[in-house]
Amino acid sequence: MKKIILLLTLLFNLNSFADEVGAFTIVNARGTNASVFLVAGGQGISSYEVQRVYRKIGTFAINDGEAEVPASSFERYGWRGPSHVIVVTHNQDDLALSKFRSDELARFEDPTYSIQSDRVAPTAENLKYVDRKAILLKRVRSSSKFQF
């Protein structure tokens, strides 16, 4: 029996499954761009703390306070996967996502990235953001509009 449980545990840990997050709209957003990431983490001392970035969905233009985010697929490894979608609004083209809710270069700390090409090297300019919000992945799947 122990061998069967061990085998099942290994199968769930080693297999990857395709999963998807549906399209949604961000409303009342401030800034010119919105960067959207699939992440896992948890509540830190004062805000959501990003531990792992599974995928950067993209950076989207904000027009009249709204940004349209298309559906996106990602790999789920066993039962592990993203728990939140984090949306960060900003005024520059690229954003370096910090593990913590800070836009200071001295306090920057990289989360772990599943796809290294999603990482943007931090500079004093690309750390600045207007707003940052974590949304439960379950809520994104059940609703198509989010107030920012």
Protein backbone atom coordinates (compact mmCIF):
# COMPACT_ATOMS: atom_id res chain seq x y z
CA MET A 1 0.00 0.00 0.00
CA LYS A 2 2.85 2.39 0.83
CA LYS A 3 4.38 1.74 -2.60
CA ILE A 4 1.11 2.62 -4.34
CA ILE A 5 0.78 5.87 -2.40
CA LEU A 6 4.41 6.73 -3.16
CA LEU A 7 3.89 5.98 -6.86
CA LEU A 8 0.76 8.14 -7.03
CA THR A 9 2.55 10.99 -5.25
CA LEU A 10 5.42 10.81 -7.74
CA LEU A 11 3.02 10.78 -10.68
CA PHE A 12 1.21 13.88 -9.44
CA ASN A 13 4.49 15.69 -8.80
CA LEU A 14 6.13 14.86 -12.12
CA ASN A 15 3.21 15.20 -14.54
CA SER A 16 2.40 18.55 -16.03
CA PHE A 17 -1.08 19.48 -17.13
CA ALA A 18 -2.23 22.24 -19.43
CA ASP A 19 -4.57 24.69 -17.74
CA GLU A 20 -6.11 27.99 -18.74
CA VAL A 21 -7.26 31.28 -17.26
CA GLY A 22 -10.06 32.98 -19.18
CA ALA A 23 -10.14 36.50 -20.56
CA PHE A 24 -11.08 39.31 -18.19
CA THR A 25 -11.26 43.10 -18.02
CA ILE A 26 -9.67 45.44 -15.50
CA VAL A 27 -11.76 48.57 -14.89
CA ASN A 28 -10.94 51.85 -13.08
CA ALA A 29 -7.22 51.27 -13.61
CA ARG A 30 -4.77 54.16 -13.38
CA GLY A 31 -1.58 54.34 -15.42
CA THR A 32 -0.85 53.65 -19.08
CA ASN A 33 -0.03 49.91 -18.92
CA ALA A 34 -1.08 46.86 -16.91
CA SER A 35 1.29 43.92 -16.48
CA VAL A 36 -0.44 40.66 -15.59
CA PHE A 37 1.23 37.61 -14.01
CA LEU A 38 0.11 34.14 -12.84
CA VAL A 39 1.71 33.73 -9.42
CA ALA A 40 1.78 31.77 -6.20
CA GLY A 41 2.53 33.29 -2.85
CA GLY A 42 0.76 34.37 0.26
CA GLN A 43 -0.19 37.19 2.52
CA GLY A 44 2.89 38.97 3.80
CA ILE A 45 3.07 41.40 6.70
CA SER A 46 1.38 44.25 4.83
CA SER A 47 0.45 42.90 1.37
CA TYR A 48 0.49 39.90 -0.98
CA GLU A 49 4.00 38.44 -1.28
CA VAL A 50 4.92 36.79 -4.62
CA GLN A 51 6.93 33.59 -4.18
CA ARG A 52 6.80 32.17 -7.74
CA VAL A 53 5.84 33.59 -11.12
CA TYR A 54 4.43 30.79 -13.27
CA ARG A 55 3.82 32.92 -16.33
CA LYS A 56 3.66 36.52 -17.43
CA ILE A 57 0.41 36.82 -19.36
CA GLY A 58 1.57 40.14 -20.81
CA THR A 59 1.57 43.91 -20.62
CA PHE A 60 -1.58 45.59 -21.90
CA ALA A 61 -2.46 49.20 -22.67
CA ILE A 62 -4.96 50.93 -20.40
CA ASN A 63 -7.53 52.91 -22.40
CA ASP A 64 -10.08 55.05 -20.54
CA GLY A 65 -9.32 53.18 -17.31
CA GLU A 66 -9.84 49.72 -18.83
CA ALA A 67 -7.43 46.97 -19.89
CA GLU A 68 -8.51 43.83 -21.74
CA VAL A 69 -6.58 40.70 -20.72
CA PRO A 70 -6.92 37.76 -23.16
CA ALA A 71 -7.28 34.10 -22.15
CA SER A 72 -3.96 32.42 -21.45
CA SER A 73 -2.79 28.84 -21.02
CA PHE A 74 -0.12 27.64 -18.60
CA GLU A 75 1.47 24.45 -17.27
CA ARG A 76 0.35 23.08 -13.94
CA TYR A 77 2.81 20.65 -12.35
CA GLY A 78 0.88 18.03 -10.39
CA TRP A 79 -1.40 19.85 -7.98
CA ARG A 80 0.98 22.81 -7.80
CA GLY A 81 0.18 25.88 -9.78
CA PRO A 82 -0.67 29.56 -9.54
CA SER A 83 -3.09 30.69 -6.87
CA HIS A 84 -3.45 34.34 -7.92
CA VAL A 85 -3.34 36.67 -10.86
CA ILE A 86 -1.37 39.77 -9.96
CA VAL A 87 -2.08 42.96 -11.90
CA VAL A 88 0.37 45.87 -11.68
CA THR A 89 -0.41 49.18 -13.36
CA HIS A 90 2.48 51.41 -14.39
CA ASN A 91 3.50 54.19 -16.80
CA GLN A 92 6.67 52.73 -18.37
CA ASP A 93 6.85 50.01 -21.07
CA ASP A 94 8.26 47.19 -18.89
CA LEU A 95 7.90 46.29 -15.24
CA ALA A 96 10.30 44.37 -13.01
CA LEU A 97 8.04 42.49 -10.59
CA SER A 98 9.30 42.56 -7.02
CA LYS A 99 8.52 39.84 -4.52
CA PHE A 100 7.30 42.50 -2.11
CA ARG A 101 5.08 45.55 -2.59
CA SER A 102 7.92 48.01 -2.96
CA ASP A 103 9.12 50.13 -5.84
CA GLU A 104 12.53 50.87 -4.31
CA LEU A 105 15.57 49.33 -5.98
CA ALA A 106 17.30 48.86 -2.59
CA ARG A 107 14.39 46.71 -1.34
CA PHE A 108 13.89 44.74 -4.58
CA GLU A 109 13.88 40.96 -4.35
CA ASP A 110 13.18 38.63 -7.29
CA PRO A 111 10.49 35.98 -6.98
CA THR A 112 11.28 32.57 -8.52
CA TYR A 113 10.38 32.44 -12.23
CA SER A 114 9.22 29.25 -13.99
CA ILE A 115 10.00 30.88 -17.35
CA GLN A 116 13.22 32.89 -17.09
CA SER A 117 12.44 34.97 -20.19
CA ASP A 118 9.47 36.49 -18.28
CA ARG A 119 11.88 38.16 -15.85
CA VAL A 120 12.75 41.85 -16.37
CA ALA A 121 16.02 43.01 -14.83
CA PRO A 122 15.27 45.71 -12.23
CA THR A 123 16.25 49.33 -12.74
CA ALA A 124 15.15 52.41 -10.83
CA GLU A 125 12.73 53.22 -13.68
CA ASN A 126 11.03 49.87 -14.30
CA LEU A 127 10.25 49.24 -10.61
CA LYS A 128 7.87 52.19 -10.37
CA TYR A 129 4.20 51.27 -10.39
CA VAL A 130 0.89 53.04 -9.85
CA ASP A 131 -1.10 50.18 -8.29
CA ARG A 132 -0.68 46.48 -7.54
CA LYS A 133 -3.47 44.00 -6.84
CA ALA A 134 -3.58 40.23 -6.35
CA ILE A 135 -6.79 38.46 -7.42
CA LEU A 136 -7.57 34.86 -6.49
CA LEU A 137 -7.43 32.63 -9.57
CA LYS A 138 -10.83 31.18 -8.54
CA ARG A 139 -12.35 34.68 -8.74
CA VAL A 140 -10.83 35.28 -12.18
CA ARG A 141 -12.41 32.05 -13.40
CA SER A 142 -15.84 33.03 -12.08
CA SER A 143 -15.94 36.71 -13.10
CA SER A 144 -14.89 38.70 -16.15
CA LYS A 145 -14.55 42.24 -14.69
CA PHE A 146 -12.44 43.49 -11.79
CA GLN A 147 -12.53 46.91 -10.16
CA PHE A 148 -9.04 48.17 -9.57
